[in-house]
Amino acid sequence: MSSVIGYAVYRTVAVDGSPAGTVVNRVLWDGVQAWEPGDGLAAVADPDGTYRIGSVYEASE
């Protein structure tokens, strides 16, 4: 049995004055089915809901 985890979906580039990293959606994903956030977007596991829509995620490199 897989567990469902919350993910923050964020922009990888600045758009319309919003900086790269702006969270535009949150999804629950169990990791069983294939899923990709889409062009110009990325996702980060965020089970605690730290990154809400409109906040900015700063990816560490």
PDB file of N, CA and C in Angstrom:
ATOM      1  N   MET A   1       0.843  -1.175   0.000  1.00  0.00           N
ATOM      2  CA  MET A   1       0.000   0.000   0.000  1.00  0.00           C
ATOM      3  C   MET A   1       0.897   1.249   0.000  1.00  0.00           C
ATOM      4  N   SER A   2       0.582   2.173  -0.887  1.00  0.00           N
ATOM      5  CA  SER A   2       1.384   3.394  -0.968  1.00  0.00           C
ATOM      6  C   SER A   2       0.726   4.503  -0.150  1.00  0.00           C
ATOM      7  N   SER A   3       1.533   5.443   0.258  1.00  0.00           N
ATOM      8  CA  SER A   3       0.984   6.567   1.017  1.00  0.00           C
ATOM      9  C   SER A   3       0.921   7.791   0.110  1.00  0.00           C
ATOM     10  N   VAL A   4      -0.039   8.634   0.375  1.00  0.00           N
ATOM     11  CA  VAL A   4      -0.233   9.856  -0.395  1.00  0.00           C
ATOM     12  C   VAL A   4       0.542  10.983   0.275  1.00  0.00           C
ATOM     13  N   ILE A   5       1.272  11.750  -0.523  1.00  0.00           N
ATOM     14  CA  ILE A   5       2.085  12.855  -0.016  1.00  0.00           C
ATOM     15  C   ILE A   5       1.676  14.129  -0.737  1.00  0.00           C
ATOM     16  N   GLY A   6       1.644  15.233  -0.017  1.00  0.00           N
ATOM     17  CA  GLY A   6       1.370  16.524  -0.620  1.00  0.00           C
ATOM     18  C   GLY A   6       2.612  17.075  -1.298  1.00  0.00           C
ATOM     19  N   TYR A   7       2.420  17.661  -2.457  1.00  0.00           N
ATOM     20  CA  TYR A   7       3.501  18.283  -3.221  1.00  0.00           C
ATOM     21  C   TYR A   7       3.130  19.720  -3.530  1.00  0.00           C
ATOM     22  N   ALA A   8       4.126  20.600  -3.486  1.00  0.00           N
ATOM     23  CA  ALA A   8       3.950  21.975  -3.932  1.00  0.00           C
ATOM     24  C   ALA A   8       4.441  22.044  -5.374  1.00  0.00           C
ATOM     25  N   VAL A   9       3.624  22.595  -6.254  1.00  0.00           N
ATOM     26  CA  VAL A   9       3.980  22.751  -7.658  1.00  0.00           C
ATOM     27  C   VAL A   9       4.368  24.211  -7.865  1.00  0.00           C
ATOM     28  N   TYR A  10       5.566  24.436  -8.385  1.00  0.00           N
ATOM     29  CA  TYR A  10       6.074  25.801  -8.513  1.00  0.00           C
ATOM     30  C   TYR A  10       6.628  26.072  -9.915  1.00  0.00           C
ATOM     31  N   ARG A  11       6.679  27.350 -10.265  1.00  0.00           N
ATOM     32  CA  ARG A  11       7.218  27.772 -11.568  1.00  0.00           C
ATOM     33  C   ARG A  11       8.743  27.710 -11.526  1.00  0.00           C
ATOM     34  N   THR A  12       9.333  27.257 -12.632  1.00  0.00           N
ATOM     35  CA  THR A  12      10.789  27.193 -12.718  1.00  0.00           C
ATOM     36  C   THR A  12      11.379  28.461 -13.327  1.00  0.00           C
ATOM     37  N   VAL A  13      10.524  29.307 -13.885  1.00  0.00           N
ATOM     38  CA  VAL A  13      10.943  30.592 -14.450  1.00  0.00           C
ATOM     39  C   VAL A  13       9.960  31.665 -14.005  1.00  0.00           C
ATOM     40  N   ALA A  14      10.413  32.922 -14.022  1.00  0.00           N
ATOM     41  CA  ALA A  14       9.532  34.036 -13.672  1.00  0.00           C
ATOM     42  C   ALA A  14       8.455  34.198 -14.754  1.00  0.00           C
ATOM     43  N   VAL A  15       7.220  34.504 -14.314  1.00  0.00           N
ATOM     44  CA  VAL A  15       6.105  34.700 -15.242  1.00  0.00           C
ATOM     45  C   VAL A  15       5.246  35.844 -14.728  1.00  0.00           C
ATOM     46  N   ASP A  16       4.944  36.796 -15.616  1.00  0.00           N
ATOM     47  CA  ASP A  16       4.030  37.901 -15.292  1.00  0.00           C
ATOM     48  C   ASP A  16       4.387  38.593 -13.973  1.00  0.00           C
ATOM     49  N   GLY A  17       5.653  38.833 -13.750  1.00  0.00           N
ATOM     50  CA  GLY A  17       6.081  39.541 -12.547  1.00  0.00           C
ATOM     51  C   GLY A  17       6.234  38.671 -11.308  1.00  0.00           C
ATOM     52  N   SER A  18       5.830  37.416 -11.394  1.00  0.00           N
ATOM     53  CA  SER A  18       6.020  36.495 -10.269  1.00  0.00           C
ATOM     54  C   SER A  18       7.374  35.816 -10.426  1.00  0.00           C
ATOM     55  N   PRO A  19       8.149  35.730  -9.351  1.00  0.00           N
ATOM     56  CA  PRO A  19       9.484  35.139  -9.473  1.00  0.00           C
ATOM     57  C   PRO A  19       9.442  33.626  -9.686  1.00  0.00           C
ATOM     58  N   ALA A  20      10.527  33.099 -10.234  1.00  0.00           N
ATOM     59  CA  ALA A  20      10.675  31.647 -10.298  1.00  0.00           C
ATOM     60  C   ALA A  20      10.554  31.122  -8.876  1.00  0.00           C
ATOM     61  N   GLY A  21       9.924  29.992  -8.727  1.00  0.00           N
ATOM     62  CA  GLY A  21       9.714  29.413  -7.401  1.00  0.00           C
ATOM     63  C   GLY A  21       8.331  29.679  -6.847  1.00  0.00           C
ATOM     64  N   THR A  22       7.544  30.522  -7.518  1.00  0.00           N
ATOM     65  CA  THR A  22       6.195  30.810  -7.028  1.00  0.00           C
ATOM     66  C   THR A  22       5.342  29.551  -7.082  1.00  0.00           C
ATOM     67  N   VAL A  23       4.765  29.188  -5.958  1.00  0.00           N
ATOM     68  CA  VAL A  23       3.915  27.998  -5.870  1.00  0.00           C
ATOM     69  C   VAL A  23       2.559  28.327  -6.495  1.00  0.00           C
ATOM     70  N   VAL A  24       2.166  27.519  -7.488  1.00  0.00           N
ATOM     71  CA  VAL A  24       0.924  27.767  -8.219  1.00  0.00           C
ATOM     72  C   VAL A  24      -0.133  26.698  -7.986  1.00  0.00           C
ATOM     73  N   ASN A  25       0.253  25.604  -7.330  1.00  0.00           N
ATOM     74  CA  ASN A  25      -0.715  24.536  -7.077  1.00  0.00           C
ATOM     75  C   ASN A  25      -0.164  23.619  -5.995  1.00  0.00           C
ATOM     76  N   ARG A  26      -1.041  22.840  -5.414  1.00  0.00           N
ATOM     77  CA  ARG A  26      -0.672  21.771  -4.486  1.00  0.00           C
ATOM     78  C   ARG A  26      -1.398  20.530  -4.943  1.00  0.00           C
ATOM     79  N   VAL A  27      -0.724  19.408  -4.919  1.00  0.00           N
ATOM     80  CA  VAL A  27      -1.345  18.148  -5.329  1.00  0.00           C
ATOM     81  C   VAL A  27      -1.054  17.071  -4.295  1.00  0.00           C
ATOM     82  N   LEU A  28      -1.926  16.094  -4.254  1.00  0.00           N
ATOM     83  CA  LEU A  28      -1.694  14.884  -3.466  1.00  0.00           C
ATOM     84  C   LEU A  28      -1.371  13.790  -4.467  1.00  0.00           C
ATOM     85  N   TRP A  29      -0.246  13.123  -4.255  1.00  0.00           N
ATOM     86  CA  TRP A  29       0.201  12.108  -5.201  1.00  0.00           C
ATOM     87  C   TRP A  29       0.683  10.889  -4.439  1.00  0.00           C
ATOM     88  N   ASP A  30       0.263   9.721  -4.901  1.00  0.00           N
ATOM     89  CA  ASP A  30       0.661   8.481  -4.237  1.00  0.00           C
ATOM     90  C   ASP A  30       1.913   7.856  -4.838  1.00  0.00           C
ATOM     91  N   GLY A  31       2.414   8.417  -5.933  1.00  0.00           N
ATOM     92  CA  GLY A  31       3.621   7.914  -6.555  1.00  0.00           C
ATOM     93  C   GLY A  31       3.438   6.647  -7.364  1.00  0.00           C
ATOM     94  N   VAL A  32       2.218   6.133  -7.436  1.00  0.00           N
ATOM     95  CA  VAL A  32       1.979   4.895  -8.172  1.00  0.00           C
ATOM     96  C   VAL A  32       1.830   5.182  -9.664  1.00  0.00           C
ATOM     97  N   GLN A  33       0.974   6.114 -10.008  1.00  0.00           N
ATOM     98  CA  GLN A  33       0.770   6.497 -11.399  1.00  0.00           C
ATOM     99  C   GLN A  33       1.808   7.532 -11.801  1.00  0.00           C
ATOM    100  N   ALA A  34       2.173   7.540 -13.066  1.00  0.00           N
ATOM    101  CA  ALA A  34       3.099   8.556 -13.569  1.00  0.00           C
ATOM    102  C   ALA A  34       2.419   9.921 -13.516  1.00  0.00           C
ATOM    103  N   TRP A  35       3.167  10.921 -13.135  1.00  0.00           N
ATOM    104  CA  TRP A  35       2.643  12.288 -13.089  1.00  0.00           C
ATOM    105  C   TRP A  35       3.791  13.259 -13.278  1.00  0.00           C
ATOM    106  N   GLU A  36       3.573  14.274 -14.081  1.00  0.00           N
ATOM    107  CA  GLU A  36       4.535  15.355 -14.264  1.00  0.00           C
ATOM    108  C   GLU A  36       3.783  16.667 -14.126  1.00  0.00           C
ATOM    109  N   PRO A  37       4.384  17.665 -13.506  1.00  0.00           N
ATOM    110  CA  PRO A  37       3.683  18.920 -13.269  1.00  0.00           C
ATOM    111  C   PRO A  37       3.421  19.748 -14.522  1.00  0.00           C
ATOM    112  N   GLY A  38       4.162  19.547 -15.587  1.00  0.00           N
ATOM    113  CA  GLY A  38       3.931  20.291 -16.823  1.00  0.00           C
ATOM    114  C   GLY A  38       5.111  21.190 -17.178  1.00  0.00           C
ATOM    115  N   ASP A  39       5.067  21.746 -18.373  1.00  0.00           N
ATOM    116  CA  ASP A  39       6.144  22.606 -18.863  1.00  0.00           C
ATOM    117  C   ASP A  39       6.285  23.842 -17.994  1.00  0.00           C
ATOM    118  N   GLY A  40       7.511  24.159 -17.634  1.00  0.00           N
ATOM    119  CA  GLY A  40       7.792  25.352 -16.849  1.00  0.00           C
ATOM    120  C   GLY A  40       7.457  25.215 -15.374  1.00  0.00           C
ATOM    121  N   LEU A  41       7.130  23.995 -14.955  1.00  0.00           N
ATOM    122  CA  LEU A  41       6.766  23.737 -13.561  1.00  0.00           C
ATOM    123  C   LEU A  41       7.617  22.603 -12.995  1.00  0.00           C
ATOM    124  N   ALA A  42       7.733  22.570 -11.704  1.00  0.00           N
ATOM    125  CA  ALA A  42       8.402  21.482 -10.996  1.00  0.00           C
ATOM    126  C   ALA A  42       7.627  21.254  -9.698  1.00  0.00           C
ATOM    127  N   ALA A  43       7.888  20.146  -9.059  1.00  0.00           N
ATOM    128  CA  ALA A  43       7.194  19.830  -7.816  1.00  0.00           C
ATOM    129  C   ALA A  43       8.200  19.404  -6.756  1.00  0.00           C
ATOM    130  N   VAL A  44       7.855  19.703  -5.519  1.00  0.00           N
ATOM    131  CA  VAL A  44       8.690  19.305  -4.391  1.00  0.00           C
ATOM    132  C   VAL A  44       7.775  18.688  -3.335  1.00  0.00           C
ATOM    133  N   ALA A  45       8.217  17.561  -2.765  1.00  0.00           N
ATOM    134  CA  ALA A  45       7.437  16.946  -1.688  1.00  0.00           C
ATOM    135  C   ALA A  45       7.313  17.935  -0.542  1.00  0.00           C
ATOM    136  N   ASP A  46       6.095  18.124  -0.072  1.00  0.00           N
ATOM    137  CA  ASP A  46       5.828  19.089   0.991  1.00  0.00           C
ATOM    138  C   ASP A  46       4.704  18.544   1.882  1.00  0.00           C
ATOM    139  N   PRO A  47       4.976  17.443   2.586  1.00  0.00           N
ATOM    140  CA  PRO A  47       3.927  16.802   3.379  1.00  0.00           C
ATOM    141  C   PRO A  47       3.386  17.665   4.518  1.00  0.00           C
ATOM    142  N   ASP A  48       4.168  18.645   4.977  1.00  0.00           N
ATOM    143  CA  ASP A  48       3.721  19.492   6.084  1.00  0.00           C
ATOM    144  C   ASP A  48       2.971  20.732   5.618  1.00  0.00           C
ATOM    145  N   GLY A  49       2.868  20.941   4.302  1.00  0.00           N
ATOM    146  CA  GLY A  49       2.150  22.093   3.781  1.00  0.00           C
ATOM    147  C   GLY A  49       2.866  23.410   4.020  1.00  0.00           C
ATOM    148  N   THR A  50       4.183  23.375   4.056  1.00  0.00           N
ATOM    149  CA  THR A  50       4.990  24.577   4.287  1.00  0.00           C
ATOM    150  C   THR A  50       4.804  25.599   3.171  1.00  0.00           C
ATOM    151  N   TYR A  51       4.723  25.129   1.937  1.00  0.00           N
ATOM    152  CA  TYR A  51       4.625  26.019   0.777  1.00  0.00           C
ATOM    153  C   TYR A  51       3.182  26.091   0.292  1.00  0.00           C
ATOM    154  N   ARG A  52       2.545  27.180   0.591  1.00  0.00           N
ATOM    155  CA  ARG A  52       1.161  27.399   0.178  1.00  0.00           C
ATOM    156  C   ARG A  52       1.144  28.101  -1.180  1.00  0.00           C
ATOM    157  N   ILE A  53       0.034  28.033  -1.887  1.00  0.00           N
ATOM    158  CA  ILE A  53      -0.106  28.708  -3.170  1.00  0.00           C
ATOM    159  C   ILE A  53       0.185  30.191  -2.975  1.00  0.00           C
ATOM    160  N   GLY A  54       1.037  30.726  -3.837  1.00  0.00           N
ATOM    161  CA  GLY A  54       1.432  32.123  -3.770  1.00  0.00           C
ATOM    162  C   GLY A  54       2.742  32.352  -3.030  1.00  0.00           C
ATOM    163  N   SER A  55       3.177  31.356  -2.231  1.00  0.00           N
ATOM    164  CA  SER A  55       4.467  31.496  -1.546  1.00  0.00           C
ATOM    165  C   SER A  55       5.573  31.176  -2.559  1.00  0.00           C
ATOM    166  N   VAL A  56       6.805  31.402  -2.158  1.00  0.00           N
ATOM    167  CA  VAL A  56       7.933  31.165  -3.067  1.00  0.00           C
ATOM    168  C   VAL A  56       8.822  30.069  -2.503  1.00  0.00           C
ATOM    169  N   TYR A  57       9.024  29.041  -3.294  1.00  0.00           N
ATOM    170  CA  TYR A  57       9.905  27.934  -2.953  1.00  0.00           C
ATOM    171  C   TYR A  57      11.280  28.239  -3.538  1.00  0.00           C
ATOM    172  N   GLU A  58      12.309  28.187  -2.737  1.00  0.00           N
ATOM    173  CA  GLU A  58      13.677  28.395  -3.214  1.00  0.00           C
ATOM    174  C   GLU A  58      14.389  27.064  -3.221  1.00  0.00           C
ATOM    175  N   ALA A  59      14.549  26.518  -4.417  1.00  0.00           N
ATOM    176  CA  ALA A  59      15.188  25.207  -4.562  1.00  0.00           C
ATOM    177  C   ALA A  59      16.656  25.299  -4.162  1.00  0.00           C
ATOM    178  N   SER A  60      17.103  24.314  -3.409  1.00  0.00           N
ATOM    179  CA  SER A  60      18.526  24.256  -3.063  1.00  0.00           C
ATOM    180  C   SER A  60      19.236  23.473  -4.154  1.00  0.00           C
ATOM    181  N   GLU A  61      20.446  23.866  -4.442  1.00  0.00           N
ATOM    182  CA  GLU A  61      21.185  23.194  -5.522  1.00  0.00           C
ATOM    183  C   GLU A  61      22.267  22.338  -4.993  1.00  0.00           C
TER     184      GLU A  61
END
